Amino acid sequence: MPKKARALTAREIASRKGANAVPGLYAVGGVSGLYLQVAPGQGRSWVLRYQYAGKRRDMGLGSLDDFGLAKARERAVELRQKIAQGIDPIAERKAAKAASRTAAAKAMTFA
């Protein structure tokens, strides 16, 4: 049986920057599906990985610089609750952006 990866702690997350940052996806404990994504260009962000309608989805939750571990866990828990209610958070976010663009376009006049 394969060994399960150990979840990162807040101190280990803080150390994943600069020359020590090895690109990859690192599991974060506390919330199922929460990962720290370290990009090759030193970018670090939170990702929630979940399954909806039989498809695996990865949703970005923001930069590590903008949100700490505690806030990322809160956001992940909120999104997991929406998923449990049958709401796809990515589709909901896209619909909100489209509604915002539509409202802005209607507000623009040429008078």
Protein backbone atom coordinates (compact mmCIF):
# COMPACT_ATOMS: atom_id res chain seq x y z
CA MET A 1 0.00 0.00 0.00
CA PRO A 2 1.51 3.39 -0.95
CA LYS A 3 2.53 5.72 1.83
CA LYS A 4 0.20 8.70 2.27
CA ALA A 5 1.82 12.12 1.85
CA ARG A 6 2.18 14.10 5.04
CA ALA A 7 0.28 17.39 5.17
CA LEU A 8 2.18 20.67 5.40
CA THR A 9 2.22 22.82 8.52
CA ALA A 10 2.06 26.64 8.59
CA ARG A 11 5.82 26.81 9.20
CA GLU A 12 6.59 24.53 6.25
CA ILE A 13 4.30 26.60 4.01
CA ALA A 14 6.17 29.76 4.94
CA SER A 15 9.44 28.07 3.98
CA ARG A 16 8.19 27.24 0.46
CA LYS A 17 9.56 30.43 -1.06
CA GLY A 18 12.73 31.72 -2.61
CA ALA A 19 15.45 29.24 -3.50
CA ASN A 20 13.82 26.56 -1.30
CA ALA A 21 10.65 26.45 -3.41
CA VAL A 22 10.45 23.25 -5.40
CA PRO A 23 7.63 23.54 -7.98
CA GLY A 24 4.72 21.22 -7.33
CA LEU A 25 1.39 20.67 -5.62
CA TYR A 26 1.58 20.15 -1.85
CA ALA A 27 -1.31 18.78 0.24
CA VAL A 28 -2.33 20.93 3.19
CA GLY A 29 -3.87 19.25 6.22
CA GLY A 30 -7.15 20.20 7.84
CA VAL A 31 -9.36 20.39 4.74
CA SER A 32 -9.74 17.69 2.15
CA GLY A 33 -8.54 18.80 -1.27
CA LEU A 34 -6.65 21.96 -0.23
CA TYR A 35 -3.23 22.30 -1.85
CA LEU A 36 -0.40 24.80 -2.02
CA GLN A 37 0.70 25.18 -5.63
CA VAL A 38 4.28 26.32 -6.14
CA ALA A 39 4.91 27.52 -9.70
CA PRO A 40 8.32 27.43 -11.41
CA GLY A 41 8.52 31.25 -11.35
CA GLN A 42 8.35 31.41 -7.53
CA GLY A 43 4.55 32.01 -7.56
CA ARG A 44 2.63 30.34 -4.74
CA SER A 45 -1.14 29.98 -4.60
CA TRP A 46 -3.92 27.98 -2.98
CA VAL A 47 -5.85 25.39 -4.98
CA LEU A 48 -8.98 23.46 -4.03
CA ARG A 49 -9.23 20.15 -5.85
CA TYR A 50 -12.68 18.56 -5.89
CA GLN A 51 -14.90 16.31 -7.97
CA TYR A 52 -18.18 17.55 -9.40
CA ALA A 53 -20.44 15.62 -11.80
CA GLY A 54 -17.78 12.95 -12.21
CA LYS A 55 -15.04 15.39 -13.24
CA ARG A 56 -12.05 16.54 -11.25
CA ARG A 57 -11.93 20.33 -10.91
CA ASP A 58 -9.14 22.57 -9.62
CA MET A 59 -10.22 25.98 -8.33
CA GLY A 60 -7.74 28.71 -7.49
CA LEU A 61 -8.36 30.36 -4.12
CA GLY A 62 -5.80 33.14 -4.34
CA SER A 63 -2.17 33.86 -3.71
CA LEU A 64 -0.29 32.77 -0.60
CA ASP A 65 0.77 36.41 -0.25
CA ASP A 66 -2.89 37.50 -0.04
CA PHE A 67 -4.29 34.66 2.10
CA GLY A 68 -2.66 32.80 4.95
CA LEU A 69 -3.21 29.16 5.81
CA ALA A 70 -6.15 29.84 8.16
CA LYS A 71 -8.02 31.97 5.60
CA ALA A 72 -7.38 29.41 2.83
CA ARG A 73 -8.83 26.68 5.05
CA GLU A 74 -11.91 28.82 5.77
CA ARG A 75 -12.50 29.46 2.07
CA ALA A 76 -12.02 25.77 1.26
CA VAL A 77 -14.56 24.74 3.93
CA GLU A 78 -17.12 27.25 2.55
CA LEU A 79 -16.64 25.91 -0.98
CA ARG A 80 -16.85 22.28 0.20
CA GLN A 81 -20.23 23.13 1.79
CA LYS A 82 -21.46 24.55 -1.54
CA ILE A 83 -20.30 21.42 -3.33
CA ALA A 84 -22.20 19.29 -0.81
CA GLN A 85 -25.33 21.35 -1.61
CA GLY A 86 -24.90 20.56 -5.32
CA ILE A 87 -23.45 23.93 -6.37
CA ASP A 88 -20.37 24.02 -8.59
CA PRO A 89 -18.23 26.93 -7.28
CA ILE A 90 -16.43 27.47 -10.59
CA ALA A 91 -19.70 27.73 -12.53
CA GLU A 92 -21.08 30.05 -9.85
CA ARG A 93 -18.01 32.32 -10.10
CA LYS A 94 -18.25 32.42 -13.91
CA ALA A 95 -21.95 33.32 -13.73
CA ALA A 96 -21.23 36.13 -11.27
CA LYS A 97 -18.52 37.56 -13.56
CA ALA A 98 -20.84 37.38 -16.57
CA ALA A 99 -23.61 39.16 -14.63
CA SER A 100 -21.15 41.85 -13.56
CA ARG A 101 -19.99 42.39 -17.17
CA THR A 102 -23.59 42.57 -18.37
CA ALA A 103 -24.48 45.14 -15.71
CA ALA A 104 -21.43 47.25 -16.61
CA ALA A 105 -22.31 47.10 -20.32
CA LYS A 106 -25.87 48.22 -19.65
CA ALA A 107 -24.64 51.12 -17.53
CA MET A 108 -22.45 52.46 -20.39
CA THR A 109 -24.25 54.94 -22.61
CA PHE A 110 -23.16 56.98 -25.59
CA ALA A 111 -25.13 60.10 -24.62
